[in-house]
Amino acid sequence: MRIRELGIAGAWEFTPVVRRDDRGSFLEFYRFDAFADAVGHPLDLRQGNVSVSRAGVIRGIHYALVPPGQAKYVSAAHGAFLDYVIDLRVGSPTFGNWESVRLDDETRSSVYLAEGLGHAVVALTDDAVLNYLVSSVYDPARELVVDPFDPEIGLEFPPEARRDLLSPRDVEAPSLRDALAAGQLPTMDDVAQIERS
């Protein structure tokens, strides 16, 4: 497995070796030992999620309040996505920065996002299936959003992205500046508490 740390601390890309033959293919999309060696701790899995999207669907920017937060290990089971990691941690040297990785059913890459990071995706194909392994169960009271079209963040969307396919929750999401002013964003101190526990 090839492992690459992204330019935002707490985010990695994992690309497995895909073994193909005339029957199909086989790969290990997640290995606890390779993960723990790269990240420095195991991923404490609490829930698995699947989302299916038509081409152009944008999901996010989503994040969970810290603590406990919600770390995510995200993979494309079918089709293709552009996956975005956004640093929402107040006090981080890369606060407000983002990075994107293509996830698809050819390379079978996955992205890991630590607690406190924001997440968004754009489906590049119809019936695109995204798998999420997450470190905490869904708690709607602790799940928040930031506007994916906030010009201060400046996500660069592919031509497939369709603003008209946003969920009502994402349409009404506050800007990064408004979320910061409302005290809704995680801090580096919040994240450090998780890392110490």
Protein backbone atom coordinates (compact mmCIF):
# COMPACT_ATOMS: atom_id res chain seq x y z
CA MET A 1 0.00 0.00 0.00
CA ARG A 2 1.26 3.45 -0.92
CA ILE A 3 0.58 6.03 1.79
CA ARG A 4 0.86 9.77 1.27
CA GLU A 5 0.37 12.44 3.91
CA LEU A 6 -1.59 15.36 2.48
CA GLY A 7 -0.66 19.01 2.96
CA ILE A 8 -3.12 19.31 5.85
CA ALA A 9 -1.99 17.69 9.09
CA GLY A 10 -4.29 14.80 10.00
CA ALA A 11 -5.12 13.80 6.42
CA TRP A 12 -3.66 10.92 4.40
CA GLU A 13 -4.25 9.15 1.09
CA PHE A 14 -3.98 5.34 1.06
CA THR A 15 -3.60 3.63 -2.34
CA PRO A 16 -3.68 -0.17 -2.26
CA VAL A 17 -2.04 -2.64 -4.58
CA VAL A 18 -4.81 -3.89 -6.86
CA ARG A 19 -4.21 -7.45 -8.05
CA ARG A 20 -6.02 -8.04 -11.33
CA ASP A 21 -6.42 -11.18 -13.41
CA ASP A 22 -8.95 -12.58 -15.87
CA ARG A 23 -11.41 -13.20 -13.00
CA GLY A 24 -11.42 -9.60 -11.76
CA SER A 25 -9.41 -7.98 -8.98
CA PHE A 26 -8.55 -8.14 -5.29
CA LEU A 27 -7.25 -5.47 -2.92
CA GLU A 28 -6.98 -4.56 0.74
CA PHE A 29 -8.67 -1.16 0.99
CA TYR A 30 -7.96 -0.88 4.74
CA ARG A 31 -5.31 -2.45 6.98
CA PHE A 32 -5.22 -1.52 10.64
CA ASP A 33 -1.47 -2.05 10.94
CA ALA A 34 -0.49 0.05 7.90
CA PHE A 35 -2.94 2.70 9.02
CA ALA A 36 -1.62 2.85 12.60
CA ASP A 37 2.00 2.94 11.40
CA ALA A 38 1.27 5.91 9.13
CA VAL A 39 -1.08 7.91 11.34
CA GLY A 40 0.44 7.06 14.71
CA HIS A 41 -2.67 5.50 16.28
CA PRO A 42 -5.31 2.93 15.36
CA LEU A 43 -8.65 3.92 13.88
CA ASP A 44 -11.31 3.17 16.47
CA LEU A 45 -14.18 2.17 14.18
CA ARG A 46 -17.71 2.80 15.42
CA GLN A 47 -19.87 2.93 12.29
CA GLY A 48 -19.84 2.26 8.55
CA ASN A 49 -21.81 4.42 6.10
CA VAL A 50 -22.59 4.27 2.39
CA SER A 51 -23.81 7.12 0.20
CA VAL A 52 -24.92 6.77 -3.41
CA SER A 53 -24.89 9.86 -5.61
CA ARG A 54 -25.73 10.82 -9.15
CA ALA A 55 -23.15 12.71 -11.21
CA GLY A 56 -22.74 16.30 -10.08
CA VAL A 57 -23.96 15.84 -6.50
CA ILE A 58 -21.99 17.86 -3.94
CA ARG A 59 -22.03 16.70 -0.31
CA GLY A 60 -20.48 18.90 2.36
CA ILE A 61 -18.62 20.66 3.85
CA HIS A 62 -19.49 18.44 6.84
CA TYR A 63 -17.77 18.04 10.21
CA ALA A 64 -18.52 16.94 13.78
CA LEU A 65 -18.04 18.88 16.99
CA VAL A 66 -14.89 18.01 18.95
CA PRO A 67 -14.84 16.20 21.28
CA PRO A 68 -15.56 13.52 20.31
CA GLY A 69 -15.40 14.53 16.64
CA GLN A 70 -15.58 11.99 13.88
CA ALA A 71 -12.54 10.71 11.99
CA LYS A 72 -13.35 9.26 8.55
CA TYR A 73 -11.74 6.71 6.24
CA VAL A 74 -13.44 7.25 2.87
CA SER A 75 -13.35 5.04 -0.26
CA ALA A 76 -15.17 4.88 -3.58
CA ALA A 77 -16.77 1.44 -3.97
CA HIS A 78 -18.20 2.30 -7.40
CA GLY A 79 -17.72 5.20 -9.78
CA ALA A 80 -15.64 8.28 -9.05
CA PHE A 81 -15.56 11.26 -6.69
CA LEU A 82 -13.46 14.30 -6.06
CA ASP A 83 -12.91 14.25 -2.29
CA TYR A 84 -12.04 17.44 -0.38
CA VAL A 85 -10.34 17.78 3.00
CA ILE A 86 -10.83 21.22 4.57
CA ASP A 87 -8.98 22.39 7.68
CA LEU A 88 -11.62 23.85 10.02
CA ARG A 89 -9.45 23.73 13.16
CA VAL A 90 -9.10 27.18 14.68
CA GLY A 91 -5.44 27.76 15.48
CA SER A 92 -4.14 25.38 12.83
CA PRO A 93 -1.42 26.79 10.54
CA THR A 94 -3.49 25.56 7.58
CA PHE A 95 -6.88 26.82 8.86
CA GLY A 96 -9.23 27.40 5.93
CA ASN A 97 -6.96 25.52 3.48
CA TRP A 98 -8.12 22.51 1.52
CA GLU A 99 -6.80 19.68 -0.60
CA SER A 100 -8.57 17.31 -2.97
CA VAL A 101 -8.00 13.69 -3.99
CA ARG A 102 -9.74 11.69 -6.71
CA LEU A 103 -11.33 8.52 -5.34
CA ASP A 104 -12.50 5.95 -7.88
CA ASP A 105 -13.07 2.26 -8.53
CA GLU A 106 -9.87 1.95 -10.58
CA THR A 107 -7.10 3.11 -8.22
CA ARG A 108 -9.20 2.25 -5.13
CA SER A 109 -7.51 5.01 -3.12
CA SER A 110 -8.94 6.04 0.24
CA VAL A 111 -8.67 9.25 2.24
CA TYR A 112 -8.37 9.51 6.02
CA LEU A 113 -9.50 12.70 7.79
CA ALA A 114 -8.80 13.18 11.49
CA GLU A 115 -11.27 14.74 13.91
CA GLY A 116 -11.77 18.45 13.35
CA LEU A 117 -11.31 18.37 9.58
CA GLY A 118 -14.12 19.22 7.19
CA HIS A 119 -15.16 16.92 4.37
CA ALA A 120 -16.88 17.41 1.02
CA VAL A 121 -17.24 15.31 -2.13
CA VAL A 122 -18.44 15.74 -5.68
CA ALA A 123 -19.73 12.69 -7.57
CA LEU A 124 -18.11 12.52 -11.00
CA THR A 125 -20.20 9.58 -12.28
CA ASP A 126 -23.77 8.37 -11.92
CA ASP A 127 -24.52 5.79 -9.21
CA ALA A 128 -21.23 6.64 -7.50
CA VAL A 129 -20.95 4.77 -4.17
CA LEU A 130 -18.87 6.13 -1.29
CA ASN A 131 -18.00 4.05 1.80
CA TYR A 132 -17.18 5.76 5.11
CA LEU A 133 -15.59 4.03 8.09
CA VAL A 134 -16.01 6.43 11.01
CA SER A 135 -14.77 6.74 14.59
CA SER A 136 -18.07 7.78 16.22
CA VAL A 137 -21.73 7.08 15.62
CA TYR A 138 -23.89 9.65 13.90
CA ASP A 139 -25.22 12.30 16.28
CA PRO A 140 -27.28 14.92 14.42
CA ALA A 141 -26.91 17.43 17.27
CA ARG A 142 -23.09 17.36 16.83
CA GLU A 143 -22.93 17.29 13.01
CA LEU A 144 -22.39 20.71 11.45
CA VAL A 145 -21.86 22.18 8.00
CA VAL A 146 -20.03 25.01 6.27
CA ASP A 147 -21.01 26.43 2.88
CA PRO A 148 -19.11 24.50 0.17
CA PHE A 149 -19.32 27.61 -2.05
CA ASP A 150 -17.82 29.95 0.54
CA PRO A 151 -15.42 32.13 -1.51
CA GLU A 152 -13.14 32.49 1.53
CA ILE A 153 -12.44 28.73 1.35
CA GLY A 154 -12.47 28.71 -2.45
CA LEU A 155 -13.04 25.03 -3.26
CA GLU A 156 -12.37 24.45 -6.96
CA PHE A 157 -15.17 22.29 -8.31
CA PRO A 158 -15.03 20.25 -11.52
CA PRO A 159 -17.47 21.04 -14.35
CA GLU A 160 -19.67 18.12 -13.22
CA ALA A 161 -20.50 19.82 -9.90
CA ARG A 162 -24.10 21.04 -9.69
CA ARG A 163 -25.07 23.62 -7.10
CA ASP A 164 -28.75 22.82 -7.74
CA LEU A 165 -28.22 19.30 -6.30
CA LEU A 166 -27.17 20.47 -2.81
CA SER A 167 -29.20 19.20 0.14
CA PRO A 168 -31.34 21.81 1.92
CA ARG A 169 -28.95 21.56 4.89
CA ASP A 170 -25.94 22.35 2.69
CA VAL A 171 -27.79 25.21 0.94
CA GLU A 172 -28.42 26.86 4.33
CA ALA A 173 -24.87 26.24 5.65
CA PRO A 174 -23.07 29.22 7.19
CA SER A 175 -19.86 30.65 5.80
CA LEU A 176 -16.56 29.81 7.47
CA ARG A 177 -16.49 33.33 8.95
CA ASP A 178 -20.03 32.97 10.38
CA ALA A 179 -19.29 29.51 11.82
CA LEU A 180 -16.14 30.93 13.43
CA ALA A 181 -18.02 33.92 14.88
CA ALA A 182 -20.68 31.56 16.30
CA GLY A 183 -18.02 29.44 18.02
CA GLN A 184 -19.04 26.36 16.01
CA LEU A 185 -15.61 25.35 14.74
CA PRO A 186 -13.22 22.94 16.48
CA THR A 187 -9.96 24.27 17.87
CA MET A 188 -6.50 22.75 17.88
CA ASP A 189 -6.85 22.53 21.69
CA ASP A 190 -10.06 20.46 21.24
CA VAL A 191 -8.23 18.12 18.87
CA ALA A 192 -5.24 17.86 21.23
CA GLN A 193 -7.58 16.64 23.99
CA ILE A 194 -8.65 13.74 21.77
CA GLU A 195 -5.07 12.89 20.91
CA ARG A 196 -4.10 12.81 24.61
CA SER A 197 -6.96 10.48 25.57
